[in-house]
Amino acid sequence: MLMIRAIVRPEKTTEVMQSLLDAGYPALTKVEVAGRGKQRGLKLGEVIYDELPKEMIMTVIPDADKEFVTRAILDSARTGKGSFGDGKIFISPVDEVYTVSSGVKET
């Protein structure tokens, strides 16, 4: 299994979540986050916004579905402006998963 963490613009969150639902991946966790990328924030006039609001969507998927789910996120999260700040996707292995209510280890 793999965990996908997608950091996206807040205005794209609903579209990404719908894309995952349509692709057959309804289970996810969404968290409001703030941060900066290579552009190191945003400067508007004399005001510097060091951290920008983003949302992180996390989901766990089978290894075989990595390319499909990644493409669904990329296609729905991209603004098409060709600018920085659309986000990042991080993929990492998941060693074990347990259901809290039952204590059962998932396979």
PDB file of N, CA and C in Angstrom:
ATOM      1  N   MET A   1       0.832  -1.179   0.000  1.00  0.00           N
ATOM      2  CA  MET A   1       0.000   0.000   0.000  1.00  0.00           C
ATOM      3  C   MET A   1       0.879   1.246   0.000  1.00  0.00           C
ATOM      4  N   LEU A   2       0.299   2.330  -0.501  1.00  0.00           N
ATOM      5  CA  LEU A   2       1.001   3.611  -0.562  1.00  0.00           C
ATOM      6  C   LEU A   2       0.135   4.707   0.028  1.00  0.00           C
ATOM      7  N   MET A   3       0.773   5.672   0.677  1.00  0.00           N
ATOM      8  CA  MET A   3       0.062   6.871   1.111  1.00  0.00           C
ATOM      9  C   MET A   3       0.407   7.985   0.148  1.00  0.00           C
ATOM     10  N   ILE A   4      -0.632   8.636  -0.333  1.00  0.00           N
ATOM     11  CA  ILE A   4      -0.444   9.802  -1.181  1.00  0.00           C
ATOM     12  C   ILE A   4      -0.866  11.017  -0.382  1.00  0.00           C
ATOM     13  N   ARG A   5       0.055  11.987  -0.311  1.00  0.00           N
ATOM     14  CA  ARG A   5      -0.229  13.273   0.336  1.00  0.00           C
ATOM     15  C   ARG A   5      -0.144  14.327  -0.763  1.00  0.00           C
ATOM     16  N   ALA A   6      -1.247  14.965  -1.034  1.00  0.00           N
ATOM     17  CA  ALA A   6      -1.294  15.993  -2.070  1.00  0.00           C
ATOM     18  C   ALA A   6      -1.536  17.342  -1.409  1.00  0.00           C
ATOM     19  N   ILE A   7      -0.601  18.260  -1.599  1.00  0.00           N
ATOM     20  CA  ILE A   7      -0.745  19.629  -1.113  1.00  0.00           C
ATOM     21  C   ILE A   7      -1.267  20.444  -2.297  1.00  0.00           C
ATOM     22  N   VAL A   8      -2.465  21.018  -2.150  1.00  0.00           N
ATOM     23  CA  VAL A   8      -3.094  21.714  -3.273  1.00  0.00           C
ATOM     24  C   VAL A   8      -3.625  23.084  -2.842  1.00  0.00           C
ATOM     25  N   ARG A   9      -3.895  23.922  -3.835  1.00  0.00           N
ATOM     26  CA  ARG A   9      -4.516  25.219  -3.559  1.00  0.00           C
ATOM     27  C   ARG A   9      -5.912  24.980  -2.970  1.00  0.00           C
ATOM     28  N   PRO A  10      -6.321  25.788  -1.996  1.00  0.00           N
ATOM     29  CA  PRO A  10      -7.637  25.598  -1.374  1.00  0.00           C
ATOM     30  C   PRO A  10      -8.792  25.620  -2.379  1.00  0.00           C
ATOM     31  N   GLU A  11      -8.677  26.434  -3.404  1.00  0.00           N
ATOM     32  CA  GLU A  11      -9.771  26.530  -4.375  1.00  0.00           C
ATOM     33  C   GLU A  11      -9.851  25.309  -5.289  1.00  0.00           C
ATOM     34  N   LYS A  12      -8.850  24.424  -5.240  1.00  0.00           N
ATOM     35  CA  LYS A  12      -8.857  23.212  -6.057  1.00  0.00           C
ATOM     36  C   LYS A  12      -9.223  21.956  -5.261  1.00  0.00           C
ATOM     37  N   THR A  13      -9.388  22.098  -3.951  1.00  0.00           N
ATOM     38  CA  THR A  13      -9.627  20.941  -3.091  1.00  0.00           C
ATOM     39  C   THR A  13     -10.886  20.172  -3.479  1.00  0.00           C
ATOM     40  N   THR A  14     -11.981  20.869  -3.672  1.00  0.00           N
ATOM     41  CA  THR A  14     -13.237  20.202  -4.015  1.00  0.00           C
ATOM     42  C   THR A  14     -13.109  19.437  -5.322  1.00  0.00           C
ATOM     43  N   GLU A  15     -12.439  20.030  -6.298  1.00  0.00           N
ATOM     44  CA  GLU A  15     -12.241  19.383  -7.590  1.00  0.00           C
ATOM     45  C   GLU A  15     -11.379  18.128  -7.456  1.00  0.00           C
ATOM     46  N   VAL A  16     -10.330  18.195  -6.650  1.00  0.00           N
ATOM     47  CA  VAL A  16      -9.464  17.028  -6.434  1.00  0.00           C
ATOM     48  C   VAL A  16     -10.243  15.928  -5.717  1.00  0.00           C
ATOM     49  N   MET A  17     -10.993  16.298  -4.690  1.00  0.00           N
ATOM     50  CA  MET A  17     -11.770  15.307  -3.952  1.00  0.00           C
ATOM     51  C   MET A  17     -12.811  14.640  -4.851  1.00  0.00           C
ATOM     52  N   GLN A  18     -13.458  15.411  -5.711  1.00  0.00           N
ATOM     53  CA  GLN A  18     -14.438  14.846  -6.630  1.00  0.00           C
ATOM     54  C   GLN A  18     -13.775  13.924  -7.641  1.00  0.00           C
ATOM     55  N   SER A  19     -12.593  14.311  -8.102  1.00  0.00           N
ATOM     56  CA  SER A  19     -11.842  13.488  -9.040  1.00  0.00           C
ATOM     57  C   SER A  19     -11.491  12.136  -8.417  1.00  0.00           C
ATOM     58  N   LEU A  20     -11.063  12.149  -7.161  1.00  0.00           N
ATOM     59  CA  LEU A  20     -10.750  10.897  -6.467  1.00  0.00           C
ATOM     60  C   LEU A  20     -12.011  10.052  -6.272  1.00  0.00           C
ATOM     61  N   LEU A  21     -13.111  10.682  -5.909  1.00  0.00           N
ATOM     62  CA  LEU A  21     -14.375   9.971  -5.746  1.00  0.00           C
ATOM     63  C   LEU A  21     -14.799   9.328  -7.064  1.00  0.00           C
ATOM     64  N   ASP A  22     -14.749  10.098  -8.149  1.00  0.00           N
ATOM     65  CA  ASP A  22     -15.122   9.588  -9.467  1.00  0.00           C
ATOM     66  C   ASP A  22     -14.223   8.435  -9.914  1.00  0.00           C
ATOM     67  N   ALA A  23     -12.962   8.464  -9.467  1.00  0.00           N
ATOM     68  CA  ALA A  23     -12.002   7.418  -9.835  1.00  0.00           C
ATOM     69  C   ALA A  23     -12.139   6.171  -8.952  1.00  0.00           C
ATOM     70  N   GLY A  24     -13.024   6.237  -7.940  1.00  0.00           N
ATOM     71  CA  GLY A  24     -13.244   5.082  -7.077  1.00  0.00           C
ATOM     72  C   GLY A  24     -12.473   5.100  -5.778  1.00  0.00           C
ATOM     73  N   TYR A  25     -11.998   6.277  -5.374  1.00  0.00           N
ATOM     74  CA  TYR A  25     -11.225   6.417  -4.138  1.00  0.00           C
ATOM     75  C   TYR A  25     -11.900   7.435  -3.223  1.00  0.00           C
ATOM     76  N   PRO A  26     -12.977   7.032  -2.545  1.00  0.00           N
ATOM     77  CA  PRO A  26     -13.727   7.979  -1.716  1.00  0.00           C
ATOM     78  C   PRO A  26     -13.082   8.278  -0.360  1.00  0.00           C
ATOM     79  N   ALA A  27     -12.235   7.377   0.139  1.00  0.00           N
ATOM     80  CA  ALA A  27     -11.659   7.527   1.482  1.00  0.00           C
ATOM     81  C   ALA A  27     -10.459   8.459   1.439  1.00  0.00           C
ATOM     82  N   LEU A  28     -10.523   9.512   2.253  1.00  0.00           N
ATOM     83  CA  LEU A  28      -9.412  10.454   2.320  1.00  0.00           C
ATOM     84  C   LEU A  28      -9.490  11.257   3.597  1.00  0.00           C
ATOM     85  N   THR A  29      -8.430  11.950   3.879  1.00  0.00           N
ATOM     86  CA  THR A  29      -8.374  12.897   4.993  1.00  0.00           C
ATOM     87  C   THR A  29      -7.920  14.231   4.425  1.00  0.00           C
ATOM     88  N   LYS A  30      -8.561  15.310   4.872  1.00  0.00           N
ATOM     89  CA  LYS A  30      -8.222  16.647   4.388  1.00  0.00           C
ATOM     90  C   LYS A  30      -7.822  17.514   5.587  1.00  0.00           C
ATOM     91  N   VAL A  31      -6.720  18.241   5.441  1.00  0.00           N
ATOM     92  CA  VAL A  31      -6.204  19.082   6.514  1.00  0.00           C
ATOM     93  C   VAL A  31      -5.800  20.435   5.938  1.00  0.00           C
ATOM     94  N   GLU A  32      -6.182  21.502   6.619  1.00  0.00           N
ATOM     95  CA  GLU A  32      -5.714  22.829   6.221  1.00  0.00           C
ATOM     96  C   GLU A  32      -4.268  22.988   6.680  1.00  0.00           C
ATOM     97  N   VAL A  33      -3.406  23.426   5.774  1.00  0.00           N
ATOM     98  CA  VAL A  33      -1.994  23.611   6.083  1.00  0.00           C
ATOM     99  C   VAL A  33      -1.538  24.967   5.537  1.00  0.00           C
ATOM    100  N   ALA A  34      -0.352  25.368   5.901  1.00  0.00           N
ATOM    101  CA  ALA A  34       0.251  26.586   5.355  1.00  0.00           C
ATOM    102  C   ALA A  34       1.718  26.305   5.105  1.00  0.00           C
ATOM    103  N   GLY A  35       2.242  26.903   4.066  1.00  0.00           N
ATOM    104  CA  GLY A  35       3.652  26.678   3.770  1.00  0.00           C
ATOM    105  C   GLY A  35       4.098  27.497   2.580  1.00  0.00           C
ATOM    106  N   ARG A  36       5.273  27.175   2.104  1.00  0.00           N
ATOM    107  CA  ARG A  36       5.810  27.872   0.942  1.00  0.00           C
ATOM    108  C   ARG A  36       6.664  26.899   0.151  1.00  0.00           C
ATOM    109  N   GLY A  37       6.801  27.189  -1.113  1.00  0.00           N
ATOM    110  CA  GLY A  37       7.612  26.361  -1.983  1.00  0.00           C
ATOM    111  C   GLY A  37       8.837  27.113  -2.429  1.00  0.00           C
ATOM    112  N   LYS A  38       9.284  26.818  -3.634  1.00  0.00           N
ATOM    113  CA  LYS A  38      10.498  27.442  -4.162  1.00  0.00           C
ATOM    114  C   LYS A  38      10.369  28.955  -4.290  1.00  0.00           C
ATOM    115  N   GLN A  39       9.145  29.432  -4.469  1.00  0.00           N
ATOM    116  CA  GLN A  39       8.952  30.869  -4.636  1.00  0.00           C
ATOM    117  C   GLN A  39       9.087  31.626  -3.309  1.00  0.00           C
ATOM    118  N   ARG A  40       9.190  30.913  -2.197  1.00  0.00           N
ATOM    119  CA  ARG A  40       9.401  31.486  -0.861  1.00  0.00           C
ATOM    120  C   ARG A  40       8.329  32.479  -0.467  1.00  0.00           C
ATOM    121  N   GLY A  41       7.093  32.124  -0.692  1.00  0.00           N
ATOM    122  CA  GLY A  41       5.994  32.985  -0.300  1.00  0.00           C
ATOM    123  C   GLY A  41       5.563  33.875  -1.442  1.00  0.00           C
ATOM    124  N   LEU A  42       4.937  34.982  -1.074  1.00  0.00           N
ATOM    125  CA  LEU A  42       4.364  35.883  -2.062  1.00  0.00           C
ATOM    126  C   LEU A  42       4.546  37.316  -1.593  1.00  0.00           C
ATOM    127  N   LYS A  43       4.990  38.197  -2.477  1.00  0.00           N
ATOM    128  CA  LYS A  43       5.158  39.605  -2.133  1.00  0.00           C
ATOM    129  C   LYS A  43       4.165  40.425  -2.944  1.00  0.00           C
ATOM    130  N   LEU A  44       3.310  41.141  -2.225  1.00  0.00           N
ATOM    131  CA  LEU A  44       2.346  42.043  -2.845  1.00  0.00           C
ATOM    132  C   LEU A  44       2.632  43.454  -2.345  1.00  0.00           C
ATOM    133  N   GLY A  45       3.231  44.268  -3.198  1.00  0.00           N
ATOM    134  CA  GLY A  45       3.666  45.594  -2.769  1.00  0.00           C
ATOM    135  C   GLY A  45       4.770  45.452  -1.754  1.00  0.00           C
ATOM    136  N   GLU A  46       4.565  46.037  -0.596  1.00  0.00           N
ATOM    137  CA  GLU A  46       5.556  45.954   0.480  1.00  0.00           C
ATOM    138  C   GLU A  46       5.263  44.824   1.459  1.00  0.00           C
ATOM    139  N   VAL A  47       4.155  44.121   1.262  1.00  0.00           N
ATOM    140  CA  VAL A  47       3.758  43.058   2.185  1.00  0.00           C
ATOM    141  C   VAL A  47       4.259  41.716   1.657  1.00  0.00           C
ATOM    142  N   ILE A  48       4.914  40.958   2.539  1.00  0.00           N
ATOM    143  CA  ILE A  48       5.403  39.629   2.195  1.00  0.00           C
ATOM    144  C   ILE A  48       4.581  38.601   2.966  1.00  0.00           C
ATOM    145  N   TYR A  49       3.982  37.677   2.233  1.00  0.00           N
ATOM    146  CA  TYR A  49       3.261  36.565   2.824  1.00  0.00           C
ATOM    147  C   TYR A  49       4.198  35.368   2.789  1.00  0.00           C
ATOM    148  N   ASP A  50       4.802  35.093   3.947  1.00  0.00           N
ATOM    149  CA  ASP A  50       5.830  34.070   4.051  1.00  0.00           C
ATOM    150  C   ASP A  50       5.260  32.666   3.877  1.00  0.00           C
ATOM    151  N   GLU A  51       4.047  32.448   4.369  1.00  0.00           N
ATOM    152  CA  GLU A  51       3.386  31.156   4.240  1.00  0.00           C
ATOM    153  C   GLU A  51       2.035  31.362   3.584  1.00  0.00           C
ATOM    154  N   LEU A  52       1.698  30.479   2.665  1.00  0.00           N
ATOM    155  CA  LEU A  52       0.450  30.570   1.939  1.00  0.00           C
ATOM    156  C   LEU A  52      -0.482  29.436   2.354  1.00  0.00           C
ATOM    157  N   PRO A  53      -1.786  29.692   2.392  1.00  0.00           N
ATOM    158  CA  PRO A  53      -2.716  28.624   2.763  1.00  0.00           C
ATOM    159  C   PRO A  53      -2.812  27.567   1.669  1.00  0.00           C
ATOM    160  N   LYS A  54      -2.803  26.324   2.075  1.00  0.00           N
ATOM    161  CA  LYS A  54      -2.963  25.171   1.181  1.00  0.00           C
ATOM    162  C   LYS A  54      -3.827  24.154   1.912  1.00  0.00           C
ATOM    163  N   GLU A  55      -4.188  23.098   1.227  1.00  0.00           N
ATOM    164  CA  GLU A  55      -4.875  21.987   1.871  1.00  0.00           C
ATOM    165  C   GLU A  55      -4.148  20.706   1.502  1.00  0.00           C
ATOM    166  N   MET A  56      -4.049  19.804   2.475  1.00  0.00           N
ATOM    167  CA  MET A  56      -3.406  18.518   2.231  1.00  0.00           C
ATOM    168  C   MET A  56      -4.486  17.448   2.210  1.00  0.00           C
ATOM    169  N   ILE A  57      -4.487  16.669   1.135  1.00  0.00           N
ATOM    170  CA  ILE A  57      -5.399  15.543   0.996  1.00  0.00           C
ATOM    171  C   ILE A  57      -4.550  14.283   1.087  1.00  0.00           C
ATOM    172  N   MET A  58      -4.942  13.390   1.997  1.00  0.00           N
ATOM    173  CA  MET A  58      -4.196  12.144   2.191  1.00  0.00           C
ATOM    174  C   MET A  58      -5.107  10.961   1.897  1.00  0.00           C
ATOM    175  N   THR A  59      -4.567   9.982   1.215  1.00  0.00           N
ATOM    176  CA  THR A  59      -5.301   8.757   0.949  1.00  0.00           C
ATOM    177  C   THR A  59      -4.321   7.605   0.855  1.00  0.00           C
ATOM    178  N   VAL A  60      -4.792   6.417   1.155  1.00  0.00           N
ATOM    179  CA  VAL A  60      -3.978   5.210   1.059  1.00  0.00           C
ATOM    180  C   VAL A  60      -4.562   4.345  -0.043  1.00  0.00           C
ATOM    181  N   ILE A  61      -3.692   3.883  -0.939  1.00  0.00           N
ATOM    182  CA  ILE A  61      -4.133   3.140  -2.122  1.00  0.00           C
ATOM    183  C   ILE A  61      -3.265   1.898  -2.329  1.00  0.00           C
ATOM    184  N   PRO A  62      -3.741   0.950  -3.123  1.00  0.00           N
ATOM    185  CA  PRO A  62      -2.887  -0.176  -3.500  1.00  0.00           C
ATOM    186  C   PRO A  62      -1.734   0.300  -4.380  1.00  0.00           C
ATOM    187  N   ASP A  63      -0.599  -0.364  -4.277  1.00  0.00           N
ATOM    188  CA  ASP A  63       0.585   0.008  -5.071  1.00  0.00           C
ATOM    189  C   ASP A  63       0.274   0.101  -6.562  1.00  0.00           C
ATOM    190  N   ALA A  64      -0.532  -0.831  -7.051  1.00  0.00           N
ATOM    191  CA  ALA A  64      -0.811  -0.896  -8.489  1.00  0.00           C
ATOM    192  C   ALA A  64      -1.573   0.311  -9.018  1.00  0.00           C
ATOM    193  N   ASP A  65      -2.215   1.068  -8.131  1.00  0.00           N
ATOM    194  CA  ASP A  65      -3.043   2.198  -8.557  1.00  0.00           C
ATOM    195  C   ASP A  65      -2.307   3.538  -8.517  1.00  0.00           C
ATOM    196  N   LYS A  66      -1.016   3.507  -8.230  1.00  0.00           N
ATOM    197  CA  LYS A  66      -0.248   4.748  -8.038  1.00  0.00           C
ATOM    198  C   LYS A  66      -0.342   5.695  -9.227  1.00  0.00           C
ATOM    199  N   GLU A  67      -0.064   5.227 -10.415  1.00  0.00           N
ATOM    200  CA  GLU A  67      -0.059   6.110 -11.589  1.00  0.00           C
ATOM    201  C   GLU A  67      -1.450   6.678 -11.862  1.00  0.00           C
ATOM    202  N   PHE A  68      -2.471   5.852 -11.740  1.00  0.00           N
ATOM    203  CA  PHE A  68      -3.841   6.267 -12.009  1.00  0.00           C
ATOM    204  C   PHE A  68      -4.292   7.368 -11.041  1.00  0.00           C
ATOM    205  N   VAL A  69      -4.048   7.151  -9.747  1.00  0.00           N
ATOM    206  CA  VAL A  69      -4.470   8.125  -8.732  1.00  0.00           C
ATOM    207  C   VAL A  69      -3.636   9.400  -8.832  1.00  0.00           C
ATOM    208  N   THR A  70      -2.349   9.263  -9.051  1.00  0.00           N
ATOM    209  CA  THR A  70      -1.483  10.432  -9.201  1.00  0.00           C
ATOM    210  C   THR A  70      -1.940  11.290 -10.376  1.00  0.00           C
ATOM    211  N   ARG A  71      -2.259  10.671 -11.483  1.00  0.00           N
ATOM    212  CA  ARG A  71      -2.725  11.406 -12.665  1.00  0.00           C
ATOM    213  C   ARG A  71      -4.056  12.104 -12.382  1.00  0.00           C
ATOM    214  N   ALA A  72      -4.959  11.442 -11.654  1.00  0.00           N
ATOM    215  CA  ALA A  72      -6.245  12.052 -11.306  1.00  0.00           C
ATOM    216  C   ALA A  72      -6.032  13.320 -10.472  1.00  0.00           C
ATOM    217  N   ILE A  73      -5.098  13.270  -9.529  1.00  0.00           N
ATOM    218  CA  ILE A  73      -4.807  14.442  -8.699  1.00  0.00           C
ATOM    219  C   ILE A  73      -4.152  15.537  -9.530  1.00  0.00           C
ATOM    220  N   LEU A  74      -3.139  15.172 -10.312  1.00  0.00           N
ATOM    221  CA  LEU A  74      -2.451  16.170 -11.131  1.00  0.00           C
ATOM    222  C   LEU A  74      -3.411  16.894 -12.067  1.00  0.00           C
ATOM    223  N   ASP A  75      -4.261  16.138 -12.739  1.00  0.00           N
ATOM    224  CA  ASP A  75      -5.179  16.741 -13.704  1.00  0.00           C
ATOM    225  C   ASP A  75      -6.206  17.664 -13.051  1.00  0.00           C
ATOM    226  N   SER A  76      -6.628  17.339 -11.834  1.00  0.00           N
ATOM    227  CA  SER A  76      -7.649  18.161 -11.181  1.00  0.00           C
ATOM    228  C   SER A  76      -7.074  19.288 -10.330  1.00  0.00           C
ATOM    229  N   ALA A  77      -5.813  19.188  -9.905  1.00  0.00           N
ATOM    230  CA  ALA A  77      -5.219  20.216  -9.046  1.00  0.00           C
ATOM    231  C   ALA A  77      -4.528  21.330  -9.820  1.00  0.00           C
ATOM    232  N   ARG A  78      -4.143  21.056 -11.050  1.00  0.00           N
ATOM    233  CA  ARG A  78      -3.400  22.031 -11.854  1.00  0.00           C
ATOM    234  C   ARG A  78      -4.303  23.196 -12.256  1.00  0.00           C
ATOM    235  N   THR A  79      -3.800  24.416 -12.089  1.00  0.00           N
ATOM    236  CA  THR A  79      -4.587  25.590 -12.464  1.00  0.00           C
ATOM    237  C   THR A  79      -4.493  25.887 -13.952  1.00  0.00           C
ATOM    238  N   GLY A  80      -3.447  25.426 -14.591  1.00  0.00           N
ATOM    239  CA  GLY A  80      -3.278  25.690 -16.013  1.00  0.00           C
ATOM    240  C   GLY A  80      -2.629  27.023 -16.304  1.00  0.00           C
ATOM    241  N   LYS A  81      -2.272  27.749 -15.249  1.00  0.00           N
ATOM    242  CA  LYS A  81      -1.649  29.062 -15.409  1.00  0.00           C
ATOM    243  C   LYS A  81      -0.149  28.948 -15.698  1.00  0.00           C
ATOM    244  N   GLY A  82       0.411  27.784 -15.458  1.00  0.00           N
ATOM    245  CA  GLY A  82       1.846  27.618 -15.647  1.00  0.00           C
ATOM    246  C   GLY A  82       2.660  28.339 -14.598  1.00  0.00           C
ATOM    247  N   SER A  83       2.027  28.623 -13.470  1.00  0.00           N
ATOM    248  CA  SER A  83       2.724  29.361 -12.424  1.00  0.00           C
ATOM    249  C   SER A  83       3.055  28.441 -11.254  1.00  0.00           C
ATOM    250  N   PHE A  84       3.924  28.947 -10.390  1.00  0.00           N
ATOM    251  CA  PHE A  84       4.256  28.217  -9.177  1.00  0.00           C
ATOM    252  C   PHE A  84       3.044  28.208  -8.251  1.00  0.00           C
ATOM    253  N   GLY A  85       3.064  27.268  -7.296  1.00  0.00           N
ATOM    254  CA  GLY A  85       2.070  27.297  -6.239  1.00  0.00           C
ATOM    255  C   GLY A  85       0.899  26.354  -6.405  1.00  0.00           C
ATOM    256  N   ASP A  86       0.899  25.518  -7.441  1.00  0.00           N
ATOM    257  CA  ASP A  86      -0.205  24.570  -7.600  1.00  0.00           C
ATOM    258  C   ASP A  86      -0.113  23.421  -6.599  1.00  0.00           C
ATOM    259  N   GLY A  87       1.061  23.175  -6.030  1.00  0.00           N
ATOM    260  CA  GLY A  87       1.179  22.163  -5.000  1.00  0.00           C
ATOM    261  C   GLY A  87       2.199  21.088  -5.299  1.00  0.00           C
ATOM    262  N   LYS A  88       2.167  20.060  -4.478  1.00  0.00           N
ATOM    263  CA  LYS A  88       3.085  18.914  -4.588  1.00  0.00           C
ATOM    264  C   LYS A  88       2.323  17.648  -4.238  1.00  0.00           C
ATOM    265  N   ILE A  89       2.837  16.529  -4.734  1.00  0.00           N
ATOM    266  CA  ILE A  89       2.314  15.215  -4.359  1.00  0.00           C
ATOM    267  C   ILE A  89       3.482  14.407  -3.801  1.00  0.00           C
ATOM    268  N   PHE A  90       3.275  13.847  -2.617  1.00  0.00           N
ATOM    269  CA  PHE A  90       4.280  13.011  -1.975  1.00  0.00           C
ATOM    270  C   PHE A  90       3.718  11.596  -1.854  1.00  0.00           C
ATOM    271  N   ILE A  91       4.504  10.603  -2.234  1.00  0.00           N
ATOM    272  CA  ILE A  91       4.069   9.211  -2.190  1.00  0.00           C
ATOM    273  C   ILE A  91       5.052   8.427  -1.335  1.00  0.00           C
ATOM    274  N   SER A  92       4.524   7.696  -0.367  1.00  0.00           N
ATOM    275  CA  SER A  92       5.385   6.916   0.518  1.00  0.00           C
ATOM    276  C   SER A  92       4.732   5.577   0.843  1.00  0.00           C
ATOM    277  N   PRO A  93       5.539   4.576   1.184  1.00  0.00           N
ATOM    278  CA  PRO A  93       4.991   3.254   1.511  1.00  0.00           C
ATOM    279  C   PRO A  93       4.261   3.266   2.855  1.00  0.00           C
ATOM    280  N   VAL A  94       3.270   2.405   2.955  1.00  0.00           N
ATOM    281  CA  VAL A  94       2.532   2.197   4.206  1.00  0.00           C
ATOM    282  C   VAL A  94       2.790   0.759   4.637  1.00  0.00           C
ATOM    283  N   ASP A  95       3.377   0.580   5.788  1.00  0.00           N
ATOM    284  CA  ASP A  95       3.742  -0.762   6.252  1.00  0.00           C
ATOM    285  C   ASP A  95       2.564  -1.519   6.861  1.00  0.00           C
ATOM    286  N   GLU A  96       1.747  -0.822   7.646  1.00  0.00           N
ATOM    287  CA  GLU A  96       0.625  -1.481   8.313  1.00  0.00           C
ATOM    288  C   GLU A  96      -0.536  -0.516   8.443  1.00  0.00           C
ATOM    289  N   VAL A  97      -1.754  -1.081   8.434  1.00  0.00           N
ATOM    290  CA  VAL A  97      -2.969  -0.296   8.626  1.00  0.00           C
ATOM    291  C   VAL A  97      -3.876  -1.065   9.576  1.00  0.00           C
ATOM    292  N   TYR A  98      -4.410  -0.375  10.574  1.00  0.00           N
ATOM    293  CA  TYR A  98      -5.339  -0.972  11.525  1.00  0.00           C
ATOM    294  C   TYR A  98      -6.626  -0.167  11.545  1.00  0.00           C
ATOM    295  N   THR A  99      -7.753  -0.851  11.662  1.00  0.00           N
ATOM    296  CA  THR A  99      -9.032  -0.189  11.866  1.00  0.00           C
ATOM    297  C   THR A  99      -9.201   0.003  13.367  1.00  0.00           C
ATOM    298  N   VAL A 100      -9.359   1.232  13.801  1.00  0.00           N
ATOM    299  CA  VAL A 100      -9.394   1.546  15.227  1.00  0.00           C
ATOM    300  C   VAL A 100     -10.579   0.877  15.920  1.00  0.00           C
ATOM    301  N   SER A 101     -11.759   0.929  15.329  1.00  0.00           N
ATOM    302  CA  SER A 101     -12.954   0.412  15.993  1.00  0.00           C
ATOM    303  C   SER A 101     -12.890  -1.098  16.264  1.00  0.00           C
ATOM    304  N   SER A 102     -12.274  -1.853  15.360  1.00  0.00           N
ATOM    305  CA  SER A 102     -12.208  -3.297  15.522  1.00  0.00           C
ATOM    306  C   SER A 102     -10.839  -3.801  15.981  1.00  0.00           C
ATOM    307  N   GLY A 103      -9.813  -2.987  15.777  1.00  0.00           N
ATOM    308  CA  GLY A 103      -8.457  -3.409  16.095  1.00  0.00           C
ATOM    309  C   GLY A 103      -7.880  -4.366  15.064  1.00  0.00           C
ATOM    310  N   VAL A 104      -8.599  -4.551  13.965  1.00  0.00           N
ATOM    311  CA  VAL A 104      -8.173  -5.506  12.951  1.00  0.00           C
ATOM    312  C   VAL A 104      -7.139  -4.875  12.026  1.00  0.00           C
ATOM    313  N   LYS A 105      -6.090  -5.662  11.770  1.00  0.00           N
ATOM    314  CA  LYS A 105      -5.051  -5.231  10.839  1.00  0.00           C
ATOM    315  C   LYS A 105      -5.560  -5.501   9.415  1.00  0.00           C
ATOM    316  N   GLU A 106      -5.488  -4.494   8.554  1.00  0.00           N
ATOM    317  CA  GLU A 106      -5.911  -4.655   7.174  1.00  0.00           C
ATOM    318  C   GLU A 106      -4.760  -5.200   6.345  1.00  0.00           C
ATOM    319  N   THR A 107      -5.114  -5.904   5.301  1.00  0.00           N
ATOM    320  CA  THR A 107      -4.090  -6.475   4.430  1.00  0.00           C
ATOM    321  C   THR A 107      -4.130  -5.859   3.059  1.00  0.00           C
TER     322      THR A 107
END
